N, C-alpha and C. Protein backbone atom coordinates (compact mmCIF):
# COMPACT_ATOMS: atom_id res chain seq x y z
N MET A 1 121.32 87.52 116.95
CA MET A 1 120.87 88.81 117.33
C MET A 1 120.20 88.72 118.79
N GLU A 2 120.31 89.69 119.55
CA GLU A 2 119.79 89.75 120.91
C GLU A 2 118.28 90.04 120.73
N THR A 3 117.57 89.60 121.83
CA THR A 3 116.12 89.68 121.80
C THR A 3 115.72 91.10 121.59
N ARG A 4 116.19 92.00 122.40
CA ARG A 4 115.87 93.43 122.35
C ARG A 4 116.12 93.93 120.91
N GLU A 5 117.21 93.69 120.34
CA GLU A 5 117.47 94.24 118.92
C GLU A 5 116.34 93.61 118.02
N LYS A 6 116.12 92.23 118.16
CA LYS A 6 115.18 91.60 117.19
C LYS A 6 113.76 92.35 117.36
N ILE A 7 113.43 92.62 118.58
CA ILE A 7 112.15 93.44 118.76
C ILE A 7 112.07 94.67 118.04
N ILE A 8 113.16 95.42 118.30
CA ILE A 8 113.30 96.84 117.69
C ILE A 8 113.24 96.71 116.06
N GLN A 9 113.98 95.72 115.61
CA GLN A 9 114.08 95.51 114.06
C GLN A 9 112.64 95.16 113.60
N VAL A 10 111.94 94.30 114.22
CA VAL A 10 110.60 93.95 113.74
C VAL A 10 109.69 95.08 113.90
N ALA A 11 109.74 95.77 114.97
CA ALA A 11 108.75 96.90 115.30
C ALA A 11 109.05 98.08 114.20
N MET A 12 110.33 98.29 113.98
CA MET A 12 110.72 99.22 112.88
C MET A 12 110.07 98.84 111.44
N GLU A 13 110.26 97.71 111.14
CA GLU A 13 109.83 97.18 109.96
C GLU A 13 108.26 97.30 109.81
N GLN A 14 107.59 97.01 110.94
CA GLN A 14 106.14 97.16 110.90
C GLN A 14 105.67 98.66 110.91
N PHE A 15 106.25 99.47 111.56
CA PHE A 15 105.94 100.76 111.76
C PHE A 15 106.25 101.55 110.19
N MET A 16 107.18 101.20 109.70
CA MET A 16 107.60 101.75 108.44
C MET A 16 106.55 101.36 107.32
N LEU A 17 105.88 100.25 107.46
CA LEU A 17 104.97 99.64 106.46
C LEU A 17 103.57 100.29 106.80
N TYR A 18 103.18 100.28 108.08
CA TYR A 18 101.69 100.55 108.42
C TYR A 18 101.46 101.92 109.19
N GLY A 19 102.53 102.48 109.67
CA GLY A 19 102.41 103.57 110.62
C GLY A 19 102.57 102.99 111.98
N VAL A 20 102.76 103.94 112.90
CA VAL A 20 103.13 103.45 114.28
C VAL A 20 101.68 103.10 115.02
N ARG A 21 100.70 103.96 114.89
CA ARG A 21 99.57 103.56 115.65
C ARG A 21 98.75 102.27 115.16
N ALA A 22 98.91 102.03 113.91
CA ALA A 22 98.11 100.75 113.47
C ALA A 22 98.75 99.50 113.94
N VAL A 23 99.88 99.46 114.31
CA VAL A 23 100.74 98.25 114.67
C VAL A 23 100.53 98.08 116.22
N THR A 24 100.11 96.86 116.47
CA THR A 24 99.90 96.53 118.01
C THR A 24 101.16 95.63 118.35
N MET A 25 101.20 95.45 119.72
CA MET A 25 102.18 94.54 120.22
C MET A 25 101.99 93.16 119.76
N ASP A 26 100.84 92.78 119.56
CA ASP A 26 100.36 91.31 119.02
C ASP A 26 100.98 91.20 117.69
N ASP A 27 100.87 92.31 116.90
CA ASP A 27 101.50 92.22 115.53
C ASP A 27 102.92 92.10 115.67
N ILE A 28 103.53 92.79 116.36
CA ILE A 28 105.07 92.58 116.50
C ILE A 28 105.35 91.17 116.89
N ALA A 29 104.72 90.77 117.98
CA ALA A 29 105.04 89.38 118.47
C ALA A 29 104.81 88.32 117.39
N ARG A 30 103.73 88.37 116.61
CA ARG A 30 103.47 87.52 115.57
C ARG A 30 104.49 87.50 114.36
N ASN A 31 104.88 88.73 113.89
CA ASN A 31 105.76 88.84 112.93
C ASN A 31 107.19 88.52 113.14
N GLY A 32 107.40 88.67 114.50
CA GLY A 32 108.82 88.41 114.99
C GLY A 32 108.98 86.91 115.51
N GLY A 33 107.94 86.23 115.74
CA GLY A 33 107.97 84.96 116.20
C GLY A 33 108.38 84.89 117.63
N ILE A 34 107.96 86.06 118.37
CA ILE A 34 108.31 86.29 119.71
C ILE A 34 106.97 86.28 120.56
N SER A 35 107.04 85.78 121.80
CA SER A 35 105.86 86.00 122.65
C SER A 35 105.58 87.39 123.04
N LYS A 36 104.49 87.79 123.25
CA LYS A 36 104.20 89.13 123.81
C LYS A 36 104.72 89.33 125.07
N LYS A 37 104.73 88.28 125.90
CA LYS A 37 105.34 88.33 127.31
C LYS A 37 106.86 88.74 127.12
N THR A 38 107.54 88.23 126.20
CA THR A 38 109.00 88.51 126.00
C THR A 38 109.17 90.02 125.65
N ILE A 39 108.18 90.52 124.79
CA ILE A 39 108.38 91.90 124.46
C ILE A 39 108.33 92.68 125.60
N TYR A 40 107.15 92.51 126.49
CA TYR A 40 107.00 93.17 127.71
C TYR A 40 108.12 93.06 128.68
N GLU A 41 108.91 91.92 128.69
CA GLU A 41 110.08 91.87 129.47
C GLU A 41 111.05 92.82 129.18
N GLU A 42 111.10 93.26 127.85
CA GLU A 42 112.15 94.27 127.36
C GLU A 42 111.46 95.66 127.36
N PHE A 43 110.30 95.74 127.06
CA PHE A 43 109.65 97.20 126.98
C PHE A 43 108.42 97.12 127.74
N THR A 44 108.11 97.93 128.70
CA THR A 44 107.02 97.91 129.59
C THR A 44 105.64 98.42 128.98
N SER A 45 105.84 99.11 127.84
CA SER A 45 104.72 99.64 127.18
C SER A 45 104.96 99.87 125.70
N LYS A 46 103.95 100.12 124.94
CA LYS A 46 104.19 100.51 123.49
C LYS A 46 105.03 101.75 123.33
N GLU A 47 104.65 102.63 124.20
CA GLU A 47 105.43 104.01 124.04
C GLU A 47 106.89 103.81 124.25
N GLU A 48 107.14 103.01 125.29
CA GLU A 48 108.74 102.64 125.51
C GLU A 48 109.33 101.99 124.34
N LEU A 49 108.50 101.16 123.63
CA LEU A 49 109.03 100.51 122.50
C LEU A 49 109.21 101.43 121.33
N VAL A 50 108.29 102.37 121.25
CA VAL A 50 108.36 103.35 120.04
C VAL A 50 109.57 104.21 120.31
N ASN A 51 109.72 104.68 121.64
CA ASN A 51 110.95 105.41 121.96
C ASN A 51 112.17 104.77 121.72
N GLY A 52 112.31 103.46 121.93
CA GLY A 52 113.41 102.62 121.73
C GLY A 52 113.65 102.41 120.27
N VAL A 53 112.62 102.34 119.52
CA VAL A 53 112.75 102.01 118.09
C VAL A 53 113.37 103.25 117.35
N PHE A 54 112.88 104.39 117.60
CA PHE A 54 113.31 105.57 117.00
C PHE A 54 114.58 106.19 117.59
N GLU A 55 114.87 105.74 118.90
CA GLU A 55 116.29 106.11 119.39
C GLU A 55 117.37 105.39 118.58
N SER A 56 117.02 104.09 118.30
CA SER A 56 117.96 103.28 117.60
C SER A 56 118.23 103.90 116.18
N ALA A 57 117.04 104.32 115.50
CA ALA A 57 117.06 104.81 114.12
C ALA A 57 117.86 106.06 114.12
N MET A 58 117.78 107.00 115.20
CA MET A 58 118.43 108.24 115.30
C MET A 58 120.07 107.96 115.40
N ARG A 59 120.40 106.97 116.22
CA ARG A 59 121.66 106.72 116.33
C ARG A 59 122.38 106.17 115.08
N GLN A 60 121.60 105.46 114.23
CA GLN A 60 122.07 104.99 112.97
C GLN A 60 122.27 106.19 112.01
N ASP A 61 121.29 107.12 111.96
CA ASP A 61 121.39 108.24 111.21
C ASP A 61 122.60 109.23 111.62
N GLU A 62 122.74 109.37 113.01
CA GLU A 62 123.78 110.22 113.35
C GLU A 62 125.23 109.69 113.08
N CYS A 63 125.37 108.29 113.01
CA CYS A 63 126.61 107.64 112.36
C CYS A 63 126.77 108.00 111.03
N VAL A 64 125.75 107.82 110.27
CA VAL A 64 125.74 108.06 108.72
C VAL A 64 126.12 109.56 108.50
N PHE A 65 125.38 110.43 109.16
CA PHE A 65 125.59 111.83 108.94
C PHE A 65 127.21 112.18 109.35
N GLN A 66 127.64 111.75 110.51
CA GLN A 66 128.90 112.05 110.87
C GLN A 66 129.98 111.54 109.95
N GLU A 67 129.77 110.30 109.40
CA GLU A 67 130.57 109.72 108.46
C GLU A 67 130.64 110.52 107.15
N MET A 68 129.52 111.12 106.71
CA MET A 68 129.31 111.96 105.50
C MET A 68 130.17 113.26 105.69
N MET A 69 130.02 113.74 106.93
CA MET A 69 130.57 115.18 107.15
C MET A 69 132.08 115.01 107.29
N GLU A 70 132.56 113.75 107.72
CA GLU A 70 134.16 113.81 107.77
C GLU A 70 134.77 113.36 106.48
N LYS A 71 133.92 112.93 105.58
CA LYS A 71 134.54 112.69 104.16
C LYS A 71 135.25 113.84 103.47
N GLU A 72 136.25 113.83 102.88
CA GLU A 72 136.89 114.99 102.26
C GLU A 72 136.29 114.82 100.70
N GLU A 73 135.00 115.32 100.70
CA GLU A 73 134.39 115.41 99.37
C GLU A 73 133.67 116.65 99.11
N SER A 74 133.31 116.93 97.89
CA SER A 74 132.66 118.24 97.42
C SER A 74 131.25 118.11 98.07
N ALA A 75 130.75 119.42 98.26
CA ALA A 75 129.26 119.49 98.61
C ALA A 75 128.44 118.93 97.70
N ILE A 76 128.69 118.86 96.41
CA ILE A 76 127.77 118.12 95.33
C ILE A 76 127.89 116.57 95.59
N ASP A 77 129.12 116.11 95.68
CA ASP A 77 129.30 114.61 96.06
C ASP A 77 128.39 114.34 97.36
N HIS A 78 128.43 115.21 98.32
CA HIS A 78 127.63 115.03 99.61
C HIS A 78 126.11 114.77 99.22
N LEU A 79 125.61 115.82 98.35
CA LEU A 79 124.31 115.83 98.05
C LEU A 79 123.80 114.53 97.34
N ILE A 80 124.72 114.03 96.47
CA ILE A 80 124.45 112.92 95.66
C ILE A 80 124.31 111.70 96.64
N ARG A 81 125.30 111.66 97.55
CA ARG A 81 125.24 110.58 98.57
C ARG A 81 124.06 110.60 99.48
N MET A 82 123.65 111.79 99.78
CA MET A 82 122.49 112.08 100.67
C MET A 82 121.37 111.48 99.92
N THR A 83 121.13 111.69 98.57
CA THR A 83 120.04 111.30 97.87
C THR A 83 119.95 109.83 97.83
N LYS A 84 121.06 109.06 97.58
CA LYS A 84 121.17 107.74 97.76
C LYS A 84 120.60 107.41 99.17
N TYR A 85 121.10 107.99 100.23
CA TYR A 85 120.65 107.46 101.47
C TYR A 85 119.09 107.79 101.74
N LEU A 86 118.62 108.76 101.17
CA LEU A 86 117.10 109.09 101.04
C LEU A 86 116.39 108.03 100.51
N ARG A 87 116.82 107.51 99.45
CA ARG A 87 116.26 106.50 98.71
C ARG A 87 116.02 105.31 99.62
N GLY A 88 117.08 104.94 100.34
CA GLY A 88 116.87 103.88 101.18
C GLY A 88 116.01 104.00 102.53
N ARG A 89 115.96 105.36 102.93
CA ARG A 89 115.16 105.64 104.06
C ARG A 89 113.63 105.65 103.77
N PHE A 90 113.45 106.22 102.61
CA PHE A 90 111.88 106.53 102.35
C PHE A 90 111.23 105.56 101.38
N ALA A 91 111.98 104.59 100.71
CA ALA A 91 111.62 103.71 99.70
C ALA A 91 110.28 103.03 100.33
N LYS A 92 110.30 102.58 101.61
CA LYS A 92 109.13 101.81 102.02
C LYS A 92 108.48 102.42 103.34
N MET A 93 108.69 103.64 103.37
CA MET A 93 108.26 104.36 104.58
C MET A 93 106.80 104.97 104.42
N ASN A 94 105.98 104.42 105.36
CA ASN A 94 104.51 105.03 105.36
C ASN A 94 104.44 106.51 105.79
N PRO A 95 103.77 107.31 105.11
CA PRO A 95 103.82 108.83 105.46
C PRO A 95 103.23 108.99 106.87
N LEU A 96 102.43 108.02 107.36
CA LEU A 96 101.70 108.21 108.61
C LEU A 96 102.77 108.21 109.84
N VAL A 97 103.96 107.81 109.58
CA VAL A 97 104.98 107.38 110.68
C VAL A 97 105.12 108.64 111.53
N LEU A 98 105.58 109.67 111.04
CA LEU A 98 105.99 110.85 111.78
C LEU A 98 104.64 111.50 112.18
N HIS A 99 103.59 111.52 111.47
CA HIS A 99 102.27 112.04 111.99
C HIS A 99 101.85 111.34 113.21
N ASP A 100 101.93 109.92 113.13
CA ASP A 100 101.52 109.29 114.41
C ASP A 100 102.37 109.64 115.74
N ILE A 101 103.72 109.78 115.47
CA ILE A 101 104.67 110.23 116.52
C ILE A 101 104.29 111.47 117.01
N GLN A 102 104.04 112.47 116.14
CA GLN A 102 103.75 113.89 116.64
C GLN A 102 102.52 113.87 117.47
N ARG A 103 101.55 113.28 117.05
CA ARG A 103 100.20 113.24 117.67
C ARG A 103 100.02 112.42 118.96
N TYR A 104 100.68 111.20 118.99
CA TYR A 104 100.45 110.27 119.94
C TYR A 104 101.67 109.82 120.93
N TYR A 105 102.85 110.28 120.41
CA TYR A 105 104.03 109.90 121.32
C TYR A 105 104.82 111.30 121.36
N PRO A 106 104.45 112.22 122.20
CA PRO A 106 105.14 113.45 122.28
C PRO A 106 106.50 113.42 122.82
N GLN A 107 106.93 112.44 123.59
CA GLN A 107 108.23 112.35 124.18
C GLN A 107 109.23 111.98 122.99
N CYS A 108 108.64 111.08 122.18
CA CYS A 108 109.51 110.63 121.06
C CYS A 108 109.66 111.73 120.00
N TRP A 109 108.57 112.50 119.70
CA TRP A 109 108.55 113.47 118.84
C TRP A 109 109.54 114.69 119.39
N LYS A 110 109.59 114.93 120.62
CA LYS A 110 110.53 115.86 121.31
C LYS A 110 112.07 115.49 121.00
N ARG A 111 112.32 114.20 121.16
CA ARG A 111 113.67 113.68 120.86
C ARG A 111 114.03 113.76 119.39
N LEU A 112 113.09 113.49 118.46
CA LEU A 112 113.27 113.68 117.02
C LEU A 112 113.60 115.13 116.75
N GLU A 113 112.90 116.11 117.31
CA GLU A 113 113.12 117.46 117.12
C GLU A 113 114.42 117.94 117.56
N GLN A 114 114.93 117.39 118.75
CA GLN A 114 116.24 117.55 119.38
C GLN A 114 117.36 117.14 118.39
N PHE A 115 117.14 115.94 117.84
CA PHE A 115 118.05 115.36 116.81
C PHE A 115 118.13 116.26 115.64
N LYS A 116 117.03 116.79 115.28
CA LYS A 116 117.04 117.67 114.11
C LYS A 116 117.79 118.94 114.21
N ARG A 117 117.64 119.48 115.35
CA ARG A 117 118.43 120.66 115.65
C ARG A 117 119.83 120.37 115.87
N GLU A 118 120.16 119.46 116.63
CA GLU A 118 121.62 119.26 116.95
C GLU A 118 122.56 118.48 115.95
N HIS A 119 121.86 117.82 115.03
CA HIS A 119 122.68 116.95 114.08
C HIS A 119 122.30 117.40 112.70
N ALA A 120 121.02 117.22 112.24
CA ALA A 120 120.78 117.38 110.81
C ALA A 120 120.89 118.95 110.42
N LEU A 121 120.39 119.83 111.25
CA LEU A 121 120.39 121.14 110.89
C LEU A 121 121.92 121.74 110.66
N LYS A 122 122.74 121.36 111.64
CA LYS A 122 124.15 121.72 111.82
C LYS A 122 124.91 121.16 110.48
N GLY A 123 124.47 119.94 110.16
CA GLY A 123 125.13 119.21 109.10
C GLY A 123 124.87 119.79 107.68
N ILE A 124 123.60 120.15 107.54
CA ILE A 124 123.13 120.76 106.22
C ILE A 124 123.67 122.10 106.02
N ALA A 125 123.79 122.90 107.05
CA ALA A 125 124.20 124.23 107.11
C ALA A 125 125.77 124.21 106.73
N GLY A 126 126.52 123.11 107.29
CA GLY A 126 127.94 123.09 106.96
C GLY A 126 128.24 122.60 105.47
N ILE A 127 127.43 121.96 104.89
CA ILE A 127 127.55 121.46 103.56
C ILE A 127 127.28 122.57 102.69
N LEU A 128 126.16 123.39 102.94
CA LEU A 128 125.82 124.63 102.13
C LEU A 128 127.03 125.59 102.09
N GLU A 129 127.65 125.79 103.37
CA GLU A 129 128.91 126.66 103.35
C GLU A 129 130.01 126.14 102.55
N ARG A 130 130.10 124.87 102.52
CA ARG A 130 131.35 124.20 101.81
C ARG A 130 131.03 124.50 100.41
N GLY A 131 129.71 124.35 99.97
CA GLY A 131 129.46 124.45 98.44
C GLY A 131 129.73 125.92 98.03
N LYS A 132 129.39 126.87 98.97
CA LYS A 132 129.61 128.38 98.70
C LYS A 132 131.12 128.65 98.52
N LYS A 133 132.00 128.06 99.37
CA LYS A 133 133.37 128.24 99.37
C LYS A 133 133.87 127.77 97.95
N SER A 134 133.40 126.56 97.39
CA SER A 134 133.89 126.00 96.27
C SER A 134 133.39 126.61 95.03
N GLY A 135 132.32 127.40 95.26
CA GLY A 135 131.84 128.13 93.89
C GLY A 135 130.64 127.36 93.31
N ASP A 136 130.40 126.22 93.90
CA ASP A 136 129.30 125.44 93.30
C ASP A 136 127.90 125.91 93.78
N PHE A 137 127.83 126.53 94.84
CA PHE A 137 126.51 127.11 95.37
C PHE A 137 126.62 128.57 95.31
N ARG A 138 125.47 129.25 95.11
CA ARG A 138 125.31 130.61 95.15
C ARG A 138 125.86 131.20 96.39
N PRO A 139 126.67 132.25 96.14
CA PRO A 139 127.46 132.91 97.32
C PRO A 139 126.41 133.70 98.28
N GLU A 140 125.17 134.12 97.67
CA GLU A 140 124.23 134.98 98.57
C GLU A 140 123.30 134.16 99.35
N ILE A 141 123.26 132.92 99.30
CA ILE A 141 122.24 132.14 100.01
C ILE A 141 122.56 132.14 101.49
N ASN A 142 121.57 132.10 102.36
CA ASN A 142 121.68 132.13 103.71
C ASN A 142 121.64 130.62 104.22
N SER A 143 122.79 129.97 104.62
CA SER A 143 122.96 128.61 104.94
C SER A 143 121.98 128.10 105.96
N GLU A 144 121.94 128.99 107.16
CA GLU A 144 121.06 128.62 108.18
C GLU A 144 119.56 128.55 107.78
N ILE A 145 119.15 129.61 107.12
CA ILE A 145 117.64 129.63 106.72
C ILE A 145 117.47 128.44 105.73
N LEU A 146 118.17 128.20 104.81
CA LEU A 146 117.94 127.22 103.88
C LEU A 146 118.04 125.72 104.54
N ALA A 147 118.93 125.59 105.51
CA ALA A 147 118.93 124.33 106.29
C ALA A 147 117.72 124.13 106.97
N HIS A 148 117.19 125.17 107.66
CA HIS A 148 116.00 124.99 108.15
C HIS A 148 114.82 124.65 107.24
N MET A 149 114.83 125.33 106.06
CA MET A 149 113.96 125.02 105.10
C MET A 149 113.90 123.54 104.61
N ARG A 150 115.16 123.14 104.34
CA ARG A 150 115.39 121.55 103.83
C ARG A 150 114.60 120.74 104.93
N LEU A 151 114.94 120.89 106.21
CA LEU A 151 114.48 120.06 107.18
C LEU A 151 112.95 119.98 107.14
N GLU A 152 112.29 121.25 107.06
CA GLU A 152 110.81 121.37 106.94
C GLU A 152 110.35 120.62 105.69
N GLN A 153 111.09 120.73 104.61
CA GLN A 153 110.60 119.99 103.43
C GLN A 153 110.56 118.40 103.69
N VAL A 154 111.48 117.97 104.44
CA VAL A 154 111.48 116.49 104.77
C VAL A 154 110.33 116.07 105.71
N THR A 155 110.21 116.91 106.85
CA THR A 155 109.25 116.49 107.72
C THR A 155 107.83 116.84 107.40
N ASN A 156 107.63 117.88 106.67
CA ASN A 156 106.07 118.31 106.36
C ASN A 156 105.57 117.33 105.40
N SER A 157 106.35 116.48 104.62
CA SER A 157 105.75 115.50 103.71
C SER A 157 105.06 114.39 104.42
N PHE A 158 105.41 114.26 105.79
CA PHE A 158 104.92 113.31 106.53
C PHE A 158 103.51 113.56 107.12
N SER A 159 103.12 114.83 106.92
CA SER A 159 101.82 115.22 107.42
C SER A 159 100.71 114.75 106.55
N GLY A 160 100.96 114.14 105.47
CA GLY A 160 100.02 113.53 104.54
C GLY A 160 99.67 114.54 103.57
N ASN A 161 100.09 115.73 103.56
CA ASN A 161 99.60 116.87 102.63
C ASN A 161 100.57 116.81 101.40
N PHE A 162 100.62 115.73 100.77
CA PHE A 162 101.26 115.70 99.44
C PHE A 162 100.45 114.80 98.52
N PRO A 163 100.74 115.02 96.99
CA PRO A 163 99.84 114.32 96.13
C PRO A 163 100.12 112.77 96.07
N SER A 164 99.43 112.12 96.92
CA SER A 164 99.72 110.63 97.08
C SER A 164 99.04 109.77 95.91
N ASP A 165 98.17 110.36 95.27
CA ASP A 165 97.58 109.54 94.21
C ASP A 165 98.65 109.28 93.00
N GLY A 166 99.04 108.11 92.93
CA GLY A 166 100.06 107.73 91.94
C GLY A 166 101.47 108.02 92.21
N TYR A 167 101.72 108.60 93.42
CA TYR A 167 103.08 108.95 93.87
C TYR A 167 103.34 108.44 95.28
N SER A 168 104.56 107.97 95.28
CA SER A 168 105.09 107.33 96.59
C SER A 168 105.69 108.50 97.38
N LEU A 169 105.89 108.35 98.74
CA LEU A 169 106.59 109.31 99.54
C LEU A 169 108.02 109.52 98.95
N LEU A 170 108.61 108.43 98.55
CA LEU A 170 110.00 108.52 97.98
C LEU A 170 109.96 109.41 96.62
N ASP A 171 109.02 109.31 95.82
CA ASP A 171 108.86 110.12 94.51
C ASP A 171 108.80 111.62 94.99
N PHE A 172 107.99 111.85 95.97
CA PHE A 172 107.82 113.18 96.49
C PHE A 172 109.05 113.75 97.08
N GLN A 173 109.75 113.04 97.89
CA GLN A 173 110.91 113.52 98.63
C GLN A 173 112.00 113.85 97.57
N LEU A 174 112.30 112.82 96.47
CA LEU A 174 113.28 113.07 95.53
C LEU A 174 113.00 114.37 94.68
N GLN A 175 111.69 114.42 94.29
CA GLN A 175 111.43 115.74 93.56
C GLN A 175 111.69 117.00 94.22
N VAL A 176 111.28 117.10 95.56
CA VAL A 176 111.46 118.25 96.37
C VAL A 176 113.08 118.47 96.54
N LEU A 177 113.72 117.40 96.77
CA LEU A 177 115.30 117.48 97.01
C LEU A 177 115.84 117.93 95.67
N ASP A 178 115.47 117.54 94.49
CA ASP A 178 115.99 117.99 93.20
C ASP A 178 115.73 119.41 92.94
N HIS A 179 114.50 119.91 93.33
CA HIS A 179 114.24 121.43 93.26
C HIS A 179 115.00 122.16 94.21
N PHE A 180 115.22 121.60 95.41
CA PHE A 180 116.08 122.38 96.50
C PHE A 180 117.57 122.56 95.91
N ILE A 181 118.07 121.39 95.30
CA ILE A 181 119.43 121.49 94.88
C ILE A 181 119.63 122.46 93.79
N HIS A 182 118.72 122.52 92.72
CA HIS A 182 118.73 123.41 91.72
C HIS A 182 118.74 124.86 92.03
N GLY A 183 118.07 125.08 93.29
CA GLY A 183 117.95 126.49 93.70
C GLY A 183 119.33 126.89 94.33
N LEU A 184 120.33 125.92 94.63
CA LEU A 184 121.49 126.26 95.22
C LEU A 184 122.67 126.44 94.28
N LEU A 185 122.60 125.88 92.95
CA LEU A 185 123.68 125.76 92.01
C LEU A 185 123.93 126.96 91.29
N THR A 186 125.26 127.31 91.22
CA THR A 186 125.74 128.21 90.28
C THR A 186 125.88 127.54 88.99
N ASP A 187 126.34 128.24 87.90
CA ASP A 187 126.63 127.50 86.56
C ASP A 187 127.67 126.56 86.73
N GLN A 188 128.67 126.82 87.45
CA GLN A 188 129.73 125.81 87.73
C GLN A 188 129.27 124.61 88.28
N GLY A 189 128.40 124.80 89.39
CA GLY A 189 127.92 123.75 90.11
C GLY A 189 126.99 122.86 89.33
N ARG A 190 126.08 123.53 88.54
CA ARG A 190 125.16 122.80 87.75
C ARG A 190 125.84 121.83 86.78
N ALA A 191 126.97 122.35 86.02
CA ALA A 191 127.68 121.58 85.29
C ALA A 191 128.34 120.40 85.96
N THR A 192 128.91 120.61 87.05
CA THR A 192 129.57 119.58 87.85
C THR A 192 128.46 118.56 88.31
N TYR A 193 127.38 119.00 88.74
CA TYR A 193 126.20 118.08 89.17
C TYR A 193 125.77 117.26 88.13
N TYR A 194 125.45 117.78 87.01
CA TYR A 194 124.95 117.00 85.95
C TYR A 194 126.06 115.96 85.38
N GLN A 195 127.36 116.38 85.33
CA GLN A 195 128.41 115.42 85.08
C GLN A 195 128.52 114.40 86.03
N LYS A 196 128.39 114.50 87.13
CA LYS A 196 128.53 113.47 88.26
C LYS A 196 127.31 112.49 88.14
N LEU A 197 126.16 113.08 88.01
CA LEU A 197 124.99 112.21 87.79
C LEU A 197 125.16 111.34 86.56
N LYS A 198 125.65 111.99 85.47
CA LYS A 198 125.86 111.12 84.22
C LYS A 198 126.82 109.99 84.40
N ASN A 199 127.91 110.30 85.27
CA ASN A 199 128.82 109.28 85.52
C ASN A 199 128.42 108.14 86.33
N GLN A 200 127.55 108.47 87.12
CA GLN A 200 126.81 107.44 88.11
C GLN A 200 126.03 106.54 87.23
N GLU A 201 125.37 106.94 86.13
CA GLU A 201 124.47 106.10 85.45
C GLU A 201 125.15 105.17 84.58
N ARG A 202 126.50 105.29 84.36
CA ARG A 202 127.36 104.48 83.40
C ARG A 202 127.56 103.17 84.10
């Protein structure tokens, strides 16, 4: 693994655990077994490192979203696949991560918002339209509005305004996603959804 990639990997792991602001360059150097001088040879400041870390994460997400959209699968299969992906993304993520970026790293936040508009929003709306055509999703739903709503559900949880006592961020995200999905389903879609979940558990 190249030095730059290792720094990004270690920094991402630390940010996910503790939030962005709480992690120092010394922390990253110590946990990565890398000198701070080496880090500054690759990234001139913590802000540049933060931008590099989340640019890398967005490229990974873009590849995953593109792969999902290109698969010849039903909208319900896509939602189940997305649920699995969310489990991996949020399982160890500190709720402070996006809060810190929005407040202290505006350039990185602007890039995240751009990614949300250009990739995530378009992808969600496309899946909703696919489900409407198959009869699994209610035909009267407005796909663009609900795509916006779904993205806000994801990002708003990082403000810290969720019932954290006894619940993880993953618990919260999965409950909200389940509620969102059930608001989309027709009777046909609901039967298909439960059958696919049942088959997964076997």
